[in-house]
């Protein structure tokens, strides 16, 4: 069994108003060293797939078809084998 961690963010050229709001709030709170803030989502799934190549292909397919909006979002993922 594998645990898969998927991170989704807006593409770099897409404006992130929520990130901008958080950035401004942090600056007003005195955290002047904070640079750009981007808000995204984190998705964790488990899979019983035993073939790592198939797992990678399946995760990419899931992200492109359902878990992200490929027009405005980018994703990356990692996975690790866990005990059943």
N, C-alpha and C. Protein backbone atom coordinates (compact mmCIF):
# COMPACT_ATOMS: atom_id res chain seq x y z
N UNK A 1 0.85 -1.17 0.00
CA UNK A 1 0.00 0.00 0.00
C UNK A 1 0.90 1.24 0.00
N UNK A 2 0.44 2.26 -0.68
CA UNK A 2 1.18 3.52 -0.77
C UNK A 2 0.34 4.67 -0.23
N UNK A 3 1.05 5.60 0.40
CA UNK A 3 0.44 6.87 0.79
C UNK A 3 0.96 7.91 -0.20
N UNK A 4 0.02 8.63 -0.82
CA UNK A 4 0.37 9.62 -1.84
C UNK A 4 0.01 11.01 -1.32
N UNK A 5 0.97 11.93 -1.38
CA UNK A 5 0.76 13.33 -0.99
C UNK A 5 0.81 14.19 -2.25
N UNK A 6 -0.29 14.89 -2.50
CA UNK A 6 -0.40 15.73 -3.69
C UNK A 6 -0.52 17.19 -3.25
N UNK A 7 0.34 18.04 -3.80
CA UNK A 7 0.29 19.48 -3.53
C UNK A 7 -0.15 20.20 -4.79
N UNK A 8 -1.14 21.07 -4.64
CA UNK A 8 -1.69 21.80 -5.78
C UNK A 8 -1.56 23.30 -5.50
N UNK A 9 -1.02 24.03 -6.44
CA UNK A 9 -0.90 25.49 -6.36
C UNK A 9 -1.36 26.10 -7.67
N UNK A 10 -1.76 27.36 -7.59
CA UNK A 10 -2.03 28.10 -8.81
C UNK A 10 -0.73 28.25 -9.59
N UNK A 11 -0.82 28.23 -10.91
CA UNK A 11 0.37 28.45 -11.73
C UNK A 11 0.95 29.82 -11.41
N UNK A 12 2.25 29.97 -11.63
CA UNK A 12 2.96 31.20 -11.26
C UNK A 12 2.38 32.45 -11.90
N UNK A 13 1.86 32.33 -13.11
CA UNK A 13 1.34 33.52 -13.80
C UNK A 13 -0.14 33.79 -13.50
N UNK A 14 -0.74 33.02 -12.59
CA UNK A 14 -2.14 33.22 -12.20
C UNK A 14 -2.17 34.00 -10.89
N UNK A 15 -2.96 35.07 -10.86
CA UNK A 15 -3.07 35.87 -9.64
C UNK A 15 -3.69 35.04 -8.52
N UNK A 16 -3.19 35.25 -7.30
CA UNK A 16 -3.66 34.52 -6.13
C UNK A 16 -4.18 35.54 -5.09
N UNK A 17 -5.44 35.98 -5.22
CA UNK A 17 -5.95 37.01 -4.31
C UNK A 17 -5.95 36.55 -2.85
N UNK A 18 -6.21 35.27 -2.60
CA UNK A 18 -6.18 34.79 -1.22
C UNK A 18 -4.75 34.87 -0.66
N UNK A 19 -3.78 34.49 -1.46
CA UNK A 19 -2.38 34.59 -1.03
C UNK A 19 -1.98 36.04 -0.78
N UNK A 20 -2.43 36.95 -1.64
CA UNK A 20 -2.14 38.37 -1.47
C UNK A 20 -2.74 38.90 -0.17
N UNK A 21 -3.98 38.49 0.14
CA UNK A 21 -4.64 38.91 1.38
C UNK A 21 -3.87 38.42 2.59
N UNK A 22 -3.46 37.16 2.56
CA UNK A 22 -2.68 36.62 3.68
C UNK A 22 -1.35 37.33 3.80
N UNK A 23 -0.71 37.59 2.67
CA UNK A 23 0.56 38.32 2.68
C UNK A 23 0.40 39.68 3.35
N UNK A 24 -0.63 40.43 2.94
CA UNK A 24 -0.88 41.75 3.54
C UNK A 24 -1.14 41.65 5.04
N UNK A 25 -1.93 40.66 5.44
CA UNK A 25 -2.24 40.48 6.86
C UNK A 25 -0.97 40.17 7.66
N UNK A 26 -0.13 39.31 7.11
CA UNK A 26 1.12 38.98 7.81
C UNK A 26 2.01 40.21 7.95
N UNK A 27 2.08 41.02 6.91
CA UNK A 27 2.88 42.26 7.00
C UNK A 27 2.32 43.19 8.06
N UNK A 28 0.99 43.32 8.11
CA UNK A 28 0.37 44.18 9.13
C UNK A 28 0.58 43.63 10.54
N UNK A 29 0.78 42.34 10.66
CA UNK A 29 1.05 41.72 11.96
C UNK A 29 2.51 41.84 12.36
N UNK A 30 3.33 42.43 11.50
CA UNK A 30 4.72 42.66 11.83
C UNK A 30 5.70 41.67 11.20
N UNK A 31 5.23 40.78 10.36
CA UNK A 31 6.11 39.82 9.72
C UNK A 31 6.60 40.38 8.38
N UNK A 32 7.44 41.39 8.47
CA UNK A 32 7.89 42.12 7.30
C UNK A 32 8.77 41.29 6.38
N UNK A 33 9.37 40.23 6.90
CA UNK A 33 10.28 39.42 6.08
C UNK A 33 9.55 38.45 5.16
N UNK A 34 8.23 38.34 5.31
CA UNK A 34 7.46 37.41 4.47
C UNK A 34 7.42 37.94 3.04
N UNK A 35 7.75 37.07 2.11
CA UNK A 35 7.70 37.43 0.69
C UNK A 35 6.36 37.04 0.11
N UNK A 36 6.39 36.50 -1.07
CA UNK A 36 5.17 36.11 -1.76
C UNK A 36 4.48 34.96 -1.02
N UNK A 37 3.16 35.00 -0.95
CA UNK A 37 2.38 33.93 -0.35
C UNK A 37 1.45 33.36 -1.43
N UNK A 38 1.48 32.04 -1.56
CA UNK A 38 0.59 31.35 -2.49
C UNK A 38 -0.21 30.35 -1.67
N UNK A 39 -1.51 30.31 -1.88
CA UNK A 39 -2.39 29.40 -1.17
C UNK A 39 -2.75 28.26 -2.11
N UNK A 40 -2.71 27.06 -1.61
CA UNK A 40 -3.02 25.90 -2.43
C UNK A 40 -3.83 24.88 -1.67
N UNK A 41 -3.76 23.65 -2.14
CA UNK A 41 -4.46 22.58 -1.44
C UNK A 41 -3.55 21.36 -1.35
N UNK A 42 -3.83 20.55 -0.35
CA UNK A 42 -3.08 19.33 -0.11
C UNK A 42 -4.06 18.17 -0.12
N UNK A 43 -3.75 17.15 -0.88
CA UNK A 43 -4.61 15.98 -1.00
C UNK A 43 -3.78 14.76 -0.64
N UNK A 44 -4.29 13.94 0.24
CA UNK A 44 -3.59 12.71 0.60
C UNK A 44 -4.50 11.52 0.30
N UNK A 45 -3.97 10.57 -0.42
CA UNK A 45 -4.74 9.37 -0.73
C UNK A 45 -3.89 8.14 -0.43
N UNK A 46 -4.53 7.02 -0.26
CA UNK A 46 -3.82 5.76 -0.17
C UNK A 46 -4.20 4.93 -1.39
N UNK A 47 -3.27 4.08 -1.81
CA UNK A 47 -3.51 3.24 -2.98
C UNK A 47 -2.97 1.85 -2.72
N UNK A 48 -3.70 0.87 -3.18
CA UNK A 48 -3.26 -0.51 -3.06
C UNK A 48 -2.49 -0.97 -4.30
N UNK A 49 -2.25 -0.04 -5.23
CA UNK A 49 -1.48 -0.37 -6.44
C UNK A 49 -0.09 -0.87 -6.03
N UNK A 50 0.38 -1.92 -6.68
CA UNK A 50 1.68 -2.50 -6.32
C UNK A 50 2.79 -2.08 -7.29
N UNK A 51 2.43 -1.63 -8.48
CA UNK A 51 3.40 -1.21 -9.49
C UNK A 51 3.60 0.30 -9.40
N UNK A 52 4.82 0.72 -9.02
CA UNK A 52 5.08 2.16 -8.83
C UNK A 52 4.90 2.96 -10.11
N UNK A 53 5.29 2.42 -11.25
CA UNK A 53 5.12 3.14 -12.52
C UNK A 53 3.63 3.34 -12.81
N UNK A 54 2.84 2.33 -12.58
CA UNK A 54 1.38 2.44 -12.77
C UNK A 54 0.79 3.44 -11.79
N UNK A 55 1.26 3.40 -10.54
CA UNK A 55 0.79 4.35 -9.54
C UNK A 55 1.08 5.79 -9.98
N UNK A 56 2.30 6.04 -10.43
CA UNK A 56 2.65 7.39 -10.89
C UNK A 56 1.77 7.82 -12.05
N UNK A 57 1.55 6.94 -13.01
CA UNK A 57 0.70 7.27 -14.16
C UNK A 57 -0.73 7.53 -13.71
N UNK A 58 -1.22 6.72 -12.79
CA UNK A 58 -2.59 6.90 -12.29
C UNK A 58 -2.74 8.24 -11.55
N UNK A 59 -1.77 8.58 -10.71
CA UNK A 59 -1.85 9.83 -9.95
C UNK A 59 -1.83 11.03 -10.91
N UNK A 60 -0.94 11.01 -11.89
CA UNK A 60 -0.90 12.09 -12.88
C UNK A 60 -2.25 12.21 -13.59
N UNK A 61 -2.81 11.08 -13.98
CA UNK A 61 -4.09 11.07 -14.67
C UNK A 61 -5.20 11.63 -13.78
N UNK A 62 -5.24 11.20 -12.52
CA UNK A 62 -6.24 11.71 -11.57
C UNK A 62 -6.12 13.23 -11.41
N UNK A 63 -4.89 13.70 -11.28
CA UNK A 63 -4.68 15.14 -11.09
C UNK A 63 -5.12 15.93 -12.31
N UNK A 64 -4.79 15.44 -13.49
CA UNK A 64 -5.13 16.15 -14.72
C UNK A 64 -6.62 16.10 -15.04
N UNK A 65 -7.29 15.03 -14.64
CA UNK A 65 -8.71 14.87 -14.99
C UNK A 65 -9.68 15.34 -13.92
N UNK A 66 -9.27 15.32 -12.64
CA UNK A 66 -10.25 15.59 -11.60
C UNK A 66 -9.76 16.42 -10.42
N UNK A 67 -8.54 16.19 -9.98
CA UNK A 67 -8.09 16.83 -8.73
C UNK A 67 -7.60 18.26 -8.92
N UNK A 68 -7.27 18.64 -10.15
CA UNK A 68 -6.81 20.00 -10.40
C UNK A 68 -7.51 20.57 -11.62
N UNK A 69 -7.38 21.87 -11.77
CA UNK A 69 -7.80 22.54 -13.00
C UNK A 69 -6.51 22.83 -13.76
N UNK A 70 -6.17 22.03 -14.76
CA UNK A 70 -4.87 22.17 -15.42
C UNK A 70 -4.67 23.49 -16.15
N UNK A 71 -5.73 24.24 -16.36
CA UNK A 71 -5.58 25.55 -17.00
C UNK A 71 -4.90 26.55 -16.05
N UNK A 72 -5.24 26.48 -14.76
CA UNK A 72 -4.72 27.48 -13.83
C UNK A 72 -3.90 26.89 -12.67
N UNK A 73 -3.89 25.56 -12.53
CA UNK A 73 -3.19 24.96 -11.40
C UNK A 73 -2.08 24.02 -11.86
N UNK A 74 -1.08 23.92 -10.99
CA UNK A 74 -0.01 22.96 -11.19
C UNK A 74 0.01 22.03 -9.98
N UNK A 75 0.64 20.89 -10.12
CA UNK A 75 0.68 19.94 -9.01
C UNK A 75 2.01 19.21 -8.99
N UNK A 76 2.34 18.71 -7.82
CA UNK A 76 3.40 17.74 -7.70
C UNK A 76 2.98 16.74 -6.64
N UNK A 77 3.64 15.62 -6.61
CA UNK A 77 3.26 14.60 -5.65
C UNK A 77 4.45 13.75 -5.26
N UNK A 78 4.31 13.12 -4.13
CA UNK A 78 5.28 12.14 -3.67
C UNK A 78 4.50 10.98 -3.08
N UNK A 79 5.15 9.85 -2.99
CA UNK A 79 4.47 8.71 -2.38
C UNK A 79 5.47 7.87 -1.60
N UNK A 80 4.96 7.14 -0.65
CA UNK A 80 5.80 6.26 0.14
C UNK A 80 5.06 4.99 0.44
N UNK A 81 5.79 3.93 0.52
CA UNK A 81 5.20 2.63 0.83
C UNK A 81 4.90 2.60 2.33
N UNK A 82 3.70 2.15 2.67
CA UNK A 82 3.30 2.03 4.07
C UNK A 82 2.78 0.62 4.32
N UNK A 83 2.83 0.23 5.57
CA UNK A 83 2.31 -1.09 5.94
C UNK A 83 0.80 -1.12 5.75
N UNK A 84 0.30 -2.22 5.30
CA UNK A 84 -1.14 -2.34 5.05
C UNK A 84 -1.84 -2.24 6.33
